């Protein structure tokens, strides 16, 4: 009897272990589900803080990842204009930052900055 109980406990434990080891992605929704931004988005007013918080750690200095410097308005605008920045932050399978895709609200701000014409301040 004890042997069956131990097997049962082992099976339940293994199931719990493997269940907790799966990689589930949380669907936070998409930008299209958000209400539109009605005010003008500027680099210094909104985008710069997002870039500093989420990107500059890896994309600055002499060893910037992918050679991409995101430490100035000019560099961030160039990355947005050529599609590198927008493509990677909106890529759910290979997102930037690598720790996980930015929330839809944050990505919407950067997208709106592009739509508004890359206004600096």
PDB file of N, CA and C in Angstrom:
ATOM      1  N   UNK A   1       0.827  -1.192   0.000  1.00  0.00           N
ATOM      2  CA  UNK A   1       0.000   0.000   0.000  1.00  0.00           C
ATOM      3  C   UNK A   1       0.866   1.248   0.000  1.00  0.00           C
ATOM      4  N   UNK A   2       1.884   1.290   0.816  1.00  0.00           N
ATOM      5  CA  UNK A   2       2.761   2.449   0.875  1.00  0.00           C
ATOM      6  C   UNK A   2       3.461   2.683  -0.448  1.00  0.00           C
ATOM      7  N   UNK A   3       3.803   1.592  -1.139  1.00  0.00           N
ATOM      8  CA  UNK A   3       4.490   1.712  -2.420  1.00  0.00           C
ATOM      9  C   UNK A   3       3.595   2.425  -3.439  1.00  0.00           C
ATOM     10  N   UNK A   4       2.309   2.107  -3.481  1.00  0.00           N
ATOM     11  CA  UNK A   4       1.373   2.768  -4.392  1.00  0.00           C
ATOM     12  C   UNK A   4       1.222   4.240  -4.031  1.00  0.00           C
ATOM     13  N   UNK A   5       1.180   4.518  -2.755  1.00  0.00           N
ATOM     14  CA  UNK A   5       1.055   5.905  -2.309  1.00  0.00           C
ATOM     15  C   UNK A   5       2.278   6.716  -2.732  1.00  0.00           C
ATOM     16  N   UNK A   6       3.467   6.154  -2.579  1.00  0.00           N
ATOM     17  CA  UNK A   6       4.695   6.852  -2.982  1.00  0.00           C
ATOM     18  C   UNK A   6       4.722   7.084  -4.491  1.00  0.00           C
ATOM     19  N   UNK A   7       4.286   6.086  -5.254  1.00  0.00           N
ATOM     20  CA  UNK A   7       4.235   6.252  -6.720  1.00  0.00           C
ATOM     21  C   UNK A   7       3.255   7.360  -7.093  1.00  0.00           C
ATOM     22  N   UNK A   8       2.107   7.377  -6.443  1.00  0.00           N
ATOM     23  CA  UNK A   8       1.102   8.390  -6.723  1.00  0.00           C
ATOM     24  C   UNK A   8       1.636   9.785  -6.390  1.00  0.00           C
ATOM     25  N   UNK A   9       2.285   9.915  -5.254  1.00  0.00           N
ATOM     26  CA  UNK A   9       2.867  11.204  -4.851  1.00  0.00           C
ATOM     27  C   UNK A   9       3.963  11.610  -5.832  1.00  0.00           C
ATOM     28  N   UNK A  10       4.773  10.660  -6.267  1.00  0.00           N
ATOM     29  CA  UNK A  10       5.838  10.954  -7.227  1.00  0.00           C
ATOM     30  C   UNK A  10       5.249  11.435  -8.556  1.00  0.00           C
ATOM     31  N   UNK A  11       4.188  10.806  -9.000  1.00  0.00           N
ATOM     32  CA  UNK A  11       3.543  11.215 -10.263  1.00  0.00           C
ATOM     33  C   UNK A  11       2.961  12.620 -10.146  1.00  0.00           C
ATOM     34  N   UNK A  12       2.279  12.891  -9.071  1.00  0.00           N
ATOM     35  CA  UNK A  12       1.702  14.220  -8.861  1.00  0.00           C
ATOM     36  C   UNK A  12       2.809  15.268  -8.774  1.00  0.00           C
ATOM     37  N   UNK A  13       3.870  14.938  -8.065  1.00  0.00           N
ATOM     38  CA  UNK A  13       5.003  15.854  -7.956  1.00  0.00           C
ATOM     39  C   UNK A  13       5.648  16.124  -9.309  1.00  0.00           C
ATOM     40  N   UNK A  14       5.825  15.081 -10.107  1.00  0.00           N
ATOM     41  CA  UNK A  14       6.416  15.250 -11.439  1.00  0.00           C
ATOM     42  C   UNK A  14       5.522  16.104 -12.320  1.00  0.00           C
ATOM     43  N   UNK A  15       4.224  15.855 -12.275  1.00  0.00           N
ATOM     44  CA  UNK A  15       3.290  16.672 -13.069  1.00  0.00           C
ATOM     45  C   UNK A  15       3.349  18.137 -12.648  1.00  0.00           C
ATOM     46  N   UNK A  16       3.381  18.375 -11.357  1.00  0.00           N
ATOM     47  CA  UNK A  16       3.455  19.754 -10.870  1.00  0.00           C
ATOM     48  C   UNK A  16       4.755  20.411 -11.305  1.00  0.00           C
ATOM     49  N   UNK A  17       5.849  19.660 -11.236  1.00  0.00           N
ATOM     50  CA  UNK A  17       7.146  20.195 -11.650  1.00  0.00           C
ATOM     51  C   UNK A  17       7.130  20.573 -13.125  1.00  0.00           C
ATOM     52  N   UNK A  18       6.691  19.655 -13.977  1.00  0.00           N
ATOM     53  CA  UNK A  18       6.693  19.928 -15.414  1.00  0.00           C
ATOM     54  C   UNK A  18       5.686  21.004 -15.787  1.00  0.00           C
ATOM     55  N   UNK A  19       4.583  21.078 -15.094  1.00  0.00           N
ATOM     56  CA  UNK A  19       3.606  22.137 -15.356  1.00  0.00           C
ATOM     57  C   UNK A  19       4.221  23.507 -15.084  1.00  0.00           C
ATOM     58  N   UNK A  20       4.968  23.623 -14.016  1.00  0.00           N
ATOM     59  CA  UNK A  20       5.588  24.896 -13.650  1.00  0.00           C
ATOM     60  C   UNK A  20       6.784  25.243 -14.517  1.00  0.00           C
ATOM     61  N   UNK A  21       7.330  24.300 -15.260  1.00  0.00           N
ATOM     62  CA  UNK A  21       8.492  24.563 -16.099  1.00  0.00           C
ATOM     63  C   UNK A  21       8.126  24.964 -17.519  1.00  0.00           C
ATOM     64  N   UNK A  22       6.872  24.984 -17.853  1.00  0.00           N
ATOM     65  CA  UNK A  22       6.496  25.392 -19.203  1.00  0.00           C
ATOM     66  C   UNK A  22       6.692  26.880 -19.356  1.00  0.00           C
ATOM     67  N   UNK A  23       6.924  27.303 -20.568  1.00  0.00           N
ATOM     68  CA  UNK A  23       7.087  28.728 -20.831  1.00  0.00           C
ATOM     69  C   UNK A  23       5.807  29.244 -21.447  1.00  0.00           C
ATOM     70  N   UNK A  24       5.059  29.914 -20.680  1.00  0.00           N
ATOM     71  CA  UNK A  24       3.822  30.509 -21.155  1.00  0.00           C
ATOM     72  C   UNK A  24       4.055  31.977 -21.419  1.00  0.00           C
ATOM     73  N   UNK A  25       3.530  32.459 -22.513  1.00  0.00           N
ATOM     74  CA  UNK A  25       3.615  33.884 -22.777  1.00  0.00           C
ATOM     75  C   UNK A  25       2.296  34.515 -22.383  1.00  0.00           C
ATOM     76  N   UNK A  26       2.383  35.640 -21.750  1.00  0.00           N
ATOM     77  CA  UNK A  26       1.198  36.346 -21.320  1.00  0.00           C
ATOM     78  C   UNK A  26       0.801  37.296 -22.431  1.00  0.00           C
ATOM     79  N   UNK A  27      -0.415  37.136 -22.899  1.00  0.00           N
ATOM     80  CA  UNK A  27      -0.905  38.023 -23.941  1.00  0.00           C
ATOM     81  C   UNK A  27      -1.402  39.290 -23.283  1.00  0.00           C
ATOM     82  N   UNK A  28      -0.625  40.354 -23.431  1.00  0.00           N
ATOM     83  CA  UNK A  28      -0.985  41.626 -22.818  1.00  0.00           C
ATOM     84  C   UNK A  28      -1.875  42.452 -23.732  1.00  0.00           C
ATOM     85  N   UNK A  29      -2.284  41.885 -24.837  1.00  0.00           N
ATOM     86  CA  UNK A  29      -3.088  42.629 -25.787  1.00  0.00           C
ATOM     87  C   UNK A  29      -2.203  43.263 -26.839  1.00  0.00           C
ATOM     88  N   UNK A  30      -2.839  43.920 -27.760  1.00  0.00           N
ATOM     89  CA  UNK A  30      -2.083  44.551 -28.828  1.00  0.00           C
ATOM     90  C   UNK A  30      -2.319  46.054 -28.822  1.00  0.00           C
ATOM     91  N   UNK A  31      -1.497  46.730 -29.568  1.00  0.00           N
ATOM     92  CA  UNK A  31      -1.611  48.185 -29.675  1.00  0.00           C
ATOM     93  C   UNK A  31      -2.964  48.566 -30.262  1.00  0.00           C
ATOM     94  N   UNK A  32      -3.452  47.749 -31.174  1.00  0.00           N
ATOM     95  CA  UNK A  32      -4.739  48.040 -31.819  1.00  0.00           C
ATOM     96  C   UNK A  32      -5.903  48.042 -30.831  1.00  0.00           C
ATOM     97  N   UNK A  33      -5.748  47.350 -29.705  1.00  0.00           N
ATOM     98  CA  UNK A  33      -6.811  47.289 -28.695  1.00  0.00           C
ATOM     99  C   UNK A  33      -6.841  48.515 -27.786  1.00  0.00           C
ATOM    100  N   UNK A  34      -5.821  49.363 -27.877  1.00  0.00           N
ATOM    101  CA  UNK A  34      -5.712  50.525 -26.995  1.00  0.00           C
ATOM    102  C   UNK A  34      -6.434  51.734 -27.589  1.00  0.00           C
ATOM    103  N   UNK A  35      -6.917  52.625 -26.738  1.00  0.00           N
ATOM    104  CA  UNK A  35      -7.470  53.872 -27.272  1.00  0.00           C
ATOM    105  C   UNK A  35      -6.353  54.681 -27.923  1.00  0.00           C
ATOM    106  N   UNK A  36      -6.662  55.426 -28.969  1.00  0.00           N
ATOM    107  CA  UNK A  36      -5.608  56.191 -29.642  1.00  0.00           C
ATOM    108  C   UNK A  36      -5.027  57.274 -28.740  1.00  0.00           C
ATOM    109  N   UNK A  37      -3.768  57.586 -28.972  1.00  0.00           N
ATOM    110  CA  UNK A  37      -3.117  58.691 -28.267  1.00  0.00           C
ATOM    111  C   UNK A  37      -3.504  59.967 -28.995  1.00  0.00           C
ATOM    112  N   UNK A  38      -4.054  60.929 -28.275  1.00  0.00           N
ATOM    113  CA  UNK A  38      -4.525  62.152 -28.924  1.00  0.00           C
ATOM    114  C   UNK A  38      -3.531  63.305 -28.825  1.00  0.00           C
ATOM    115  N   UNK A  39      -2.637  63.275 -27.848  1.00  0.00           N
ATOM    116  CA  UNK A  39      -1.654  64.345 -27.736  1.00  0.00           C
ATOM    117  C   UNK A  39      -0.410  63.982 -28.555  1.00  0.00           C
ATOM    118  N   UNK A  40       0.339  64.982 -28.944  1.00  0.00           N
ATOM    119  CA  UNK A  40       1.562  64.778 -29.706  1.00  0.00           C
ATOM    120  C   UNK A  40       2.629  64.156 -28.819  1.00  0.00           C
ATOM    121  N   UNK A  41       3.296  63.131 -29.336  1.00  0.00           N
ATOM    122  CA  UNK A  41       4.361  62.458 -28.597  1.00  0.00           C
ATOM    123  C   UNK A  41       5.697  63.008 -29.079  1.00  0.00           C
ATOM    124  N   UNK A  42       6.540  63.420 -28.129  1.00  0.00           N
ATOM    125  CA  UNK A  42       7.865  63.924 -28.461  1.00  0.00           C
ATOM    126  C   UNK A  42       8.936  63.013 -27.873  1.00  0.00           C
ATOM    127  N   UNK A  43      10.115  63.107 -28.443  1.00  0.00           N
ATOM    128  CA  UNK A  43      11.246  62.309 -27.956  1.00  0.00           C
ATOM    129  C   UNK A  43      11.566  62.659 -26.513  1.00  0.00           C
ATOM    130  N   UNK A  44      11.786  63.932 -26.244  1.00  0.00           N
ATOM    131  CA  UNK A  44      12.170  64.349 -24.888  1.00  0.00           C
ATOM    132  C   UNK A  44      11.030  64.198 -23.894  1.00  0.00           C
ATOM    133  N   UNK A  45       9.794  64.286 -24.345  1.00  0.00           N
ATOM    134  CA  UNK A  45       8.656  64.191 -23.443  1.00  0.00           C
ATOM    135  C   UNK A  45       8.270  62.782 -23.050  1.00  0.00           C
ATOM    136  N   UNK A  46       8.566  61.784 -23.909  1.00  0.00           N
ATOM    137  CA  UNK A  46       8.114  60.430 -23.602  1.00  0.00           C
ATOM    138  C   UNK A  46       9.069  59.338 -24.071  1.00  0.00           C
ATOM    139  N   UNK A  47       9.566  59.446 -25.274  1.00  0.00           N
ATOM    140  CA  UNK A  47      10.338  58.357 -25.870  1.00  0.00           C
ATOM    141  C   UNK A  47      11.700  58.189 -25.206  1.00  0.00           C
ATOM    142  N   UNK A  48      12.371  59.275 -24.910  1.00  0.00           N
ATOM    143  CA  UNK A  48      13.707  59.203 -24.323  1.00  0.00           C
ATOM    144  C   UNK A  48      13.710  58.384 -23.034  1.00  0.00           C
ATOM    145  N   UNK A  49      12.743  58.587 -22.178  1.00  0.00           N
ATOM    146  CA  UNK A  49      12.688  57.840 -20.913  1.00  0.00           C
ATOM    147  C   UNK A  49      12.499  56.342 -21.167  1.00  0.00           C
ATOM    148  N   UNK A  50      11.707  55.991 -22.163  1.00  0.00           N
ATOM    149  CA  UNK A  50      11.504  54.577 -22.501  1.00  0.00           C
ATOM    150  C   UNK A  50      12.809  53.965 -22.986  1.00  0.00           C
ATOM    151  N   UNK A  51      13.507  54.679 -23.862  1.00  0.00           N
ATOM    152  CA  UNK A  51      14.766  54.191 -24.413  1.00  0.00           C
ATOM    153  C   UNK A  51      15.820  54.049 -23.308  1.00  0.00           C
ATOM    154  N   UNK A  52      15.931  55.046 -22.455  1.00  0.00           N
ATOM    155  CA  UNK A  52      16.922  54.998 -21.368  1.00  0.00           C
ATOM    156  C   UNK A  52      16.617  53.832 -20.428  1.00  0.00           C
ATOM    157  N   UNK A  53      15.375  53.641 -20.097  1.00  0.00           N
ATOM    158  CA  UNK A  53      14.986  52.588 -19.159  1.00  0.00           C
ATOM    159  C   UNK A  53      15.155  51.189 -19.741  1.00  0.00           C
ATOM    160  N   UNK A  54      14.879  51.032 -21.041  1.00  0.00           N
ATOM    161  CA  UNK A  54      14.802  49.688 -21.613  1.00  0.00           C
ATOM    162  C   UNK A  54      15.900  49.316 -22.607  1.00  0.00           C
ATOM    163  N   UNK A  55      16.633  50.295 -23.135  1.00  0.00           N
ATOM    164  CA  UNK A  55      17.529  50.000 -24.256  1.00  0.00           C
ATOM    165  C   UNK A  55      18.990  50.381 -24.047  1.00  0.00           C
ATOM    166  N   UNK A  56      19.228  51.485 -23.358  1.00  0.00           N
ATOM    167  CA  UNK A  56      20.570  52.061 -23.286  1.00  0.00           C
ATOM    168  C   UNK A  56      21.571  51.145 -22.584  1.00  0.00           C
ATOM    169  N   UNK A  57      21.123  50.326 -21.678  1.00  0.00           N
ATOM    170  CA  UNK A  57      22.039  49.428 -20.986  1.00  0.00           C
ATOM    171  C   UNK A  57      22.833  48.582 -21.982  1.00  0.00           C
ATOM    172  N   UNK A  58      22.178  48.096 -23.009  1.00  0.00           N
ATOM    173  CA  UNK A  58      22.846  47.242 -24.006  1.00  0.00           C
ATOM    174  C   UNK A  58      23.275  48.011 -25.257  1.00  0.00           C
ATOM    175  N   UNK A  59      22.626  49.134 -25.527  1.00  0.00           N
ATOM    176  CA  UNK A  59      22.873  49.856 -26.775  1.00  0.00           C
ATOM    177  C   UNK A  59      23.540  51.204 -26.518  1.00  0.00           C
ATOM    178  N   UNK A  60      24.697  51.133 -25.871  1.00  0.00           N
ATOM    179  CA  UNK A  60      25.499  52.335 -25.635  1.00  0.00           C
ATOM    180  C   UNK A  60      26.946  51.931 -25.459  1.00  0.00           C
ATOM    181  N   UNK A  61      27.820  52.901 -25.575  1.00  0.00           N
ATOM    182  CA  UNK A  61      29.236  52.655 -25.351  1.00  0.00           C
ATOM    183  C   UNK A  61      29.918  51.991 -26.531  1.00  0.00           C
ATOM    184  N   UNK A  62      31.201  51.699 -26.367  1.00  0.00           N
ATOM    185  CA  UNK A  62      31.983  51.162 -27.475  1.00  0.00           C
ATOM    186  C   UNK A  62      31.586  49.743 -27.885  1.00  0.00           C
ATOM    187  N   UNK A  63      30.936  49.010 -27.009  1.00  0.00           N
ATOM    188  CA  UNK A  63      30.531  47.637 -27.327  1.00  0.00           C
ATOM    189  C   UNK A  63      29.013  47.498 -27.400  1.00  0.00           C
ATOM    190  N   UNK A  64      28.366  48.485 -27.960  1.00  0.00           N
ATOM    191  CA  UNK A  64      26.904  48.447 -28.065  1.00  0.00           C
ATOM    192  C   UNK A  64      26.461  47.222 -28.861  1.00  0.00           C
ATOM    193  N   UNK A  65      25.433  46.541 -28.368  1.00  0.00           N
ATOM    194  CA  UNK A  65      24.913  45.363 -29.064  1.00  0.00           C
ATOM    195  C   UNK A  65      24.517  45.722 -30.484  1.00  0.00           C
ATOM    196  N   UNK A  66      24.898  44.859 -31.406  1.00  0.00           N
ATOM    197  CA  UNK A  66      24.608  45.023 -32.833  1.00  0.00           C
ATOM    198  C   UNK A  66      25.155  46.341 -33.387  1.00  0.00           C
ATOM    199  N   UNK A  67      26.070  46.964 -32.652  1.00  0.00           N
ATOM    200  CA  UNK A  67      26.619  48.243 -33.088  1.00  0.00           C
ATOM    201  C   UNK A  67      25.601  49.365 -33.082  1.00  0.00           C
ATOM    202  N   UNK A  68      24.483  49.132 -32.409  1.00  0.00           N
ATOM    203  CA  UNK A  68      23.381  50.099 -32.398  1.00  0.00           C
ATOM    204  C   UNK A  68      23.466  50.981 -31.158  1.00  0.00           C
ATOM    205  N   UNK A  69      23.774  52.228 -31.358  1.00  0.00           N
ATOM    206  CA  UNK A  69      23.819  53.229 -30.284  1.00  0.00           C
ATOM    207  C   UNK A  69      22.439  53.877 -30.171  1.00  0.00           C
ATOM    208  N   UNK A  70      21.890  53.876 -28.977  1.00  0.00           N
ATOM    209  CA  UNK A  70      20.590  54.515 -28.752  1.00  0.00           C
ATOM    210  C   UNK A  70      20.704  55.559 -27.646  1.00  0.00           C
ATOM    211  N   UNK A  71      21.782  56.325 -27.677  1.00  0.00           N
ATOM    212  CA  UNK A  71      22.048  57.285 -26.611  1.00  0.00           C
ATOM    213  C   UNK A  71      21.713  58.715 -26.980  1.00  0.00           C
ATOM    214  N   UNK A  72      21.233  58.938 -28.189  1.00  0.00           N
ATOM    215  CA  UNK A  72      20.896  60.302 -28.577  1.00  0.00           C
ATOM    216  C   UNK A  72      19.651  60.303 -29.455  1.00  0.00           C
ATOM    217  N   UNK A  73      19.034  61.465 -29.540  1.00  0.00           N
ATOM    218  CA  UNK A  73      17.866  61.628 -30.393  1.00  0.00           C
ATOM    219  C   UNK A  73      18.183  61.209 -31.824  1.00  0.00           C
ATOM    220  N   UNK A  74      19.320  61.653 -32.347  1.00  0.00           N
ATOM    221  CA  UNK A  74      19.689  61.358 -33.734  1.00  0.00           C
ATOM    222  C   UNK A  74      19.786  59.850 -33.965  1.00  0.00           C
ATOM    223  N   UNK A  75      20.405  59.133 -33.038  1.00  0.00           N
ATOM    224  CA  UNK A  75      20.561  57.682 -33.189  1.00  0.00           C
ATOM    225  C   UNK A  75      19.224  56.942 -33.059  1.00  0.00           C
ATOM    226  N   UNK A  76      18.402  57.358 -32.116  1.00  0.00           N
ATOM    227  CA  UNK A  76      17.108  56.708 -31.929  1.00  0.00           C
ATOM    228  C   UNK A  76      16.221  56.970 -33.145  1.00  0.00           C
ATOM    229  N   UNK A  77      16.241  58.195 -33.642  1.00  0.00           N
ATOM    230  CA  UNK A  77      15.440  58.513 -34.823  1.00  0.00           C
ATOM    231  C   UNK A  77      15.903  57.692 -36.027  1.00  0.00           C
ATOM    232  N   UNK A  78      17.208  57.584 -36.228  1.00  0.00           N
ATOM    233  CA  UNK A  78      17.731  56.793 -37.346  1.00  0.00           C
ATOM    234  C   UNK A  78      17.302  55.332 -37.230  1.00  0.00           C
ATOM    235  N   UNK A  79      17.359  54.784 -36.022  1.00  0.00           N
ATOM    236  CA  UNK A  79      16.953  53.392 -35.816  1.00  0.00           C
ATOM    237  C   UNK A  79      15.453  53.222 -36.066  1.00  0.00           C
ATOM    238  N   UNK A  80      14.667  54.225 -35.717  1.00  0.00           N
ATOM    239  CA  UNK A  80      13.227  54.158 -35.969  1.00  0.00           C
ATOM    240  C   UNK A  80      12.939  54.313 -37.463  1.00  0.00           C
ATOM    241  N   UNK A  81      13.634  55.230 -38.113  1.00  0.00           N
ATOM    242  CA  UNK A  81      13.402  55.465 -39.542  1.00  0.00           C
ATOM    243  C   UNK A  81      13.776  54.260 -40.402  1.00  0.00           C
ATOM    244  N   UNK A  82      14.853  53.569 -40.051  1.00  0.00           N
ATOM    245  CA  UNK A  82      15.234  52.425 -40.872  1.00  0.00           C
ATOM    246  C   UNK A  82      14.490  51.141 -40.495  1.00  0.00           C
ATOM    247  N   UNK A  83      13.639  51.212 -39.491  1.00  0.00           N
ATOM    248  CA  UNK A  83      12.796  50.079 -39.122  1.00  0.00           C
ATOM    249  C   UNK A  83      13.364  49.147 -38.077  1.00  0.00           C
ATOM    250  N   UNK A  84      14.650  49.289 -37.739  1.00  0.00           N
ATOM    251  CA  UNK A  84      15.248  48.383 -36.744  1.00  0.00           C
ATOM    252  C   UNK A  84      14.571  48.493 -35.389  1.00  0.00           C
ATOM    253  N   UNK A  85      14.393  49.693 -34.908  1.00  0.00           N
ATOM    254  CA  UNK A  85      13.818  49.894 -33.576  1.00  0.00           C
ATOM    255  C   UNK A  85      12.367  49.418 -33.530  1.00  0.00           C
ATOM    256  N   UNK A  86      11.562  49.892 -34.450  1.00  0.00           N
ATOM    257  CA  UNK A  86      10.130  49.559 -34.441  1.00  0.00           C
ATOM    258  C   UNK A  86       9.929  48.067 -34.676  1.00  0.00           C
ATOM    259  N   UNK A  87      10.679  47.511 -35.610  1.00  0.00           N
ATOM    260  CA  UNK A  87      10.540  46.088 -35.900  1.00  0.00           C
ATOM    261  C   UNK A  87      10.856  45.211 -34.707  1.00  0.00           C
ATOM    262  N   UNK A  88      11.913  45.534 -33.989  1.00  0.00           N
ATOM    263  CA  UNK A  88      12.313  44.691 -32.866  1.00  0.00           C
ATOM    264  C   UNK A  88      11.421  44.866 -31.640  1.00  0.00           C
ATOM    265  N   UNK A  89      10.982  46.089 -31.342  1.00  0.00           N
ATOM    266  CA  UNK A  89      10.136  46.234 -30.152  1.00  0.00           C
ATOM    267  C   UNK A  89       8.749  45.635 -30.373  1.00  0.00           C
ATOM    268  N   UNK A  90       8.329  45.525 -31.634  1.00  0.00           N
ATOM    269  CA  UNK A  90       7.015  44.946 -31.932  1.00  0.00           C
ATOM    270  C   UNK A  90       7.086  43.471 -32.309  1.00  0.00           C
ATOM    271  N   UNK A  91       8.266  42.869 -32.287  1.00  0.00           N
ATOM    272  CA  UNK A  91       8.450  41.475 -32.652  1.00  0.00           C
ATOM    273  C   UNK A  91       8.223  40.596 -31.425  1.00  0.00           C
ATOM    274  N   UNK A  92       7.145  39.853 -31.418  1.00  0.00           N
ATOM    275  CA  UNK A  92       6.829  39.043 -30.237  1.00  0.00           C
ATOM    276  C   UNK A  92       7.684  37.787 -30.143  1.00  0.00           C
ATOM    277  N   UNK A  93       8.224  37.291 -31.257  1.00  0.00           N
ATOM    278  CA  UNK A  93       9.025  36.074 -31.195  1.00  0.00           C
ATOM    279  C   UNK A  93      10.506  36.355 -30.919  1.00  0.00           C
ATOM    280  N   UNK A  94      10.981  37.547 -31.215  1.00  0.00           N
ATOM    281  CA  UNK A  94      12.374  37.920 -30.958  1.00  0.00           C
ATOM    282  C   UNK A  94      12.405  39.385 -30.515  1.00  0.00           C
ATOM    283  N   UNK A  95      11.838  39.661 -29.342  1.00  0.00           N
ATOM    284  CA  UNK A  95      11.631  41.052 -28.939  1.00  0.00           C
ATOM    285  C   UNK A  95      12.875  41.740 -28.402  1.00  0.00           C
ATOM    286  N   UNK A  96      12.809  43.024 -28.421  1.00  0.00           N
ATOM    287  CA  UNK A  96      13.756  43.866 -27.707  1.00  0.00           C
ATOM    288  C   UNK A  96      12.924  44.645 -26.708  1.00  0.00           C
ATOM    289  N   UNK A  97      13.335  44.678 -25.494  1.00  0.00           N
ATOM    290  CA  UNK A  97      14.522  44.037 -24.933  1.00  0.00           C
ATOM    291  C   UNK A  97      14.346  42.515 -24.884  1.00  0.00           C
ATOM    292  N   UNK A  98      15.455  41.784 -24.810  1.00  0.00           N
ATOM    293  CA  UNK A  98      15.381  40.332 -24.811  1.00  0.00           C
ATOM    294  C   UNK A  98      14.647  39.755 -23.602  1.00  0.00           C
ATOM    295  N   UNK A  99      14.492  40.525 -22.554  1.00  0.00           N
ATOM    296  CA  UNK A  99      13.780  40.040 -21.366  1.00  0.00           C
ATOM    297  C   UNK A  99      12.285  39.909 -21.609  1.00  0.00           C
ATOM    298  N   UNK A 100      11.805  40.478 -22.687  1.00  0.00           N
ATOM    299  CA  UNK A 100      10.389  40.363 -23.029  1.00  0.00           C
ATOM    300  C   UNK A 100       9.878  41.614 -23.696  1.00  0.00           C
ATOM    301  N   UNK A 101       8.864  41.422 -24.493  1.00  0.00           N
ATOM    302  CA  UNK A 101       8.291  42.530 -25.242  1.00  0.00           C
ATOM    303  C   UNK A 101       7.773  43.614 -24.301  1.00  0.00           C
ATOM    304  N   UNK A 102       8.003  44.844 -24.704  1.00  0.00           N
ATOM    305  CA  UNK A 102       7.493  45.978 -23.929  1.00  0.00           C
ATOM    306  C   UNK A 102       5.972  45.941 -23.905  1.00  0.00           C
ATOM    307  N   UNK A 103       5.355  46.493 -22.875  1.00  0.00           N
ATOM    308  CA  UNK A 103       3.891  46.529 -22.817  1.00  0.00           C
ATOM    309  C   UNK A 103       3.315  47.285 -24.020  1.00  0.00           C
ATOM    310  N   UNK A 104       2.107  46.934 -24.452  1.00  0.00           N
ATOM    311  CA  UNK A 104       1.502  47.594 -25.609  1.00  0.00           C
ATOM    312  C   UNK A 104       1.443  49.114 -25.467  1.00  0.00           C
ATOM    313  N   UNK A 105       1.178  49.611 -24.257  1.00  0.00           N
ATOM    314  CA  UNK A 105       1.094  51.061 -24.053  1.00  0.00           C
ATOM    315  C   UNK A 105       2.419  51.747 -24.352  1.00  0.00           C
ATOM    316  N   UNK A 106       3.509  51.107 -23.985  1.00  0.00           N
ATOM    317  CA  UNK A 106       4.841  51.662 -24.227  1.00  0.00           C
ATOM    318  C   UNK A 106       5.167  51.626 -25.711  1.00  0.00           C
ATOM    319  N   UNK A 107       4.877  50.517 -26.369  1.00  0.00           N
ATOM    320  CA  UNK A 107       5.126  50.406 -27.806  1.00  0.00           C
ATOM    321  C   UNK A 107       4.264  51.390 -28.580  1.00  0.00           C
ATOM    322  N   UNK A 108       3.054  51.624 -28.101  1.00  0.00           N
ATOM    323  CA  UNK A 108       2.164  52.577 -28.761  1.00  0.00           C
ATOM    324  C   UNK A 108       2.741  53.992 -28.725  1.00  0.00           C
ATOM    325  N   UNK A 109       3.376  54.349 -27.631  1.00  0.00           N
ATOM    326  CA  UNK A 109       3.983  55.682 -27.513  1.00  0.00           C
ATOM    327  C   UNK A 109       5.070  55.853 -28.580  1.00  0.00           C
ATOM    328  N   UNK A 110       5.919  54.849 -28.741  1.00  0.00           N
ATOM    329  CA  UNK A 110       6.981  54.946 -29.744  1.00  0.00           C
ATOM    330  C   UNK A 110       6.392  54.966 -31.148  1.00  0.00           C
ATOM    331  N   UNK A 111       5.404  54.130 -31.399  1.00  0.00           N
ATOM    332  CA  UNK A 111       4.743  54.141 -32.710  1.00  0.00           C
ATOM    333  C   UNK A 111       4.111  55.496 -32.998  1.00  0.00           C
ATOM    334  N   UNK A 112       3.494  56.105 -31.988  1.00  0.00           N
ATOM    335  CA  UNK A 112       2.862  57.410 -32.182  1.00  0.00           C
ATOM    336  C   UNK A 112       3.905  58.496 -32.439  1.00  0.00           C
ATOM    337  N   UNK A 113       5.055  58.389 -31.801  1.00  0.00           N
ATOM    338  CA  UNK A 113       6.150  59.328 -32.039  1.00  0.00           C
ATOM    339  C   UNK A 113       6.558  59.292 -33.511  1.00  0.00           C
ATOM    340  N   UNK A 114       6.623  58.098 -34.063  1.00  0.00           N
ATOM    341  CA  UNK A 114       6.950  57.944 -35.484  1.00  0.00           C
ATOM    342  C   UNK A 114       5.861  58.587 -36.342  1.00  0.00           C
ATOM    343  N   UNK A 115       4.612  58.296 -36.028  1.00  0.00           N
ATOM    344  CA  UNK A 115       3.478  58.858 -36.779  1.00  0.00           C
ATOM    345  C   UNK A 115       3.484  60.383 -36.698  1.00  0.00           C
ATOM    346  N   UNK A 116       3.815  60.901 -35.525  1.00  0.00           N
ATOM    347  CA  UNK A 116       3.811  62.355 -35.329  1.00  0.00           C
ATOM    348  C   UNK A 116       5.009  63.037 -36.002  1.00  0.00           C
ATOM    349  N   UNK A 117       5.952  62.282 -36.528  1.00  0.00           N
ATOM    350  CA  UNK A 117       7.050  62.881 -37.275  1.00  0.00           C
ATOM    351  C   UNK A 117       8.352  63.025 -36.523  1.00  0.00           C
ATOM    352  N   UNK A 118       8.603  62.172 -35.532  1.00  0.00           N
ATOM    353  CA  UNK A 118       9.882  62.144 -34.813  1.00  0.00           C
ATOM    354  C   UNK A 118      10.194  63.483 -34.140  1.00  0.00           C
ATOM    355  N   UNK A 119       9.211  64.101 -33.534  1.00  0.00           N
ATOM    356  CA  UNK A 119       9.408  65.407 -32.890  1.00  0.00           C
ATOM    357  C   UNK A 119      10.368  65.255 -31.720  1.00  0.00           C
ATOM    358  N   UNK A 120      11.352  66.153 -31.638  1.00  0.00           N
ATOM    359  CA  UNK A 120      12.365  66.050 -30.586  1.00  0.00           C
ATOM    360  C   UNK A 120      11.872  66.588 -29.240  1.00  0.00           C
ATOM    361  N   UNK A 121      11.326  67.800 -29.215  1.00  0.00           N
ATOM    362  CA  UNK A 121      10.838  68.353 -27.933  1.00  0.00           C
ATOM    363  C   UNK A 121       9.637  69.216 -28.132  1.00  0.00           C
TER     364      UNK A 121
END
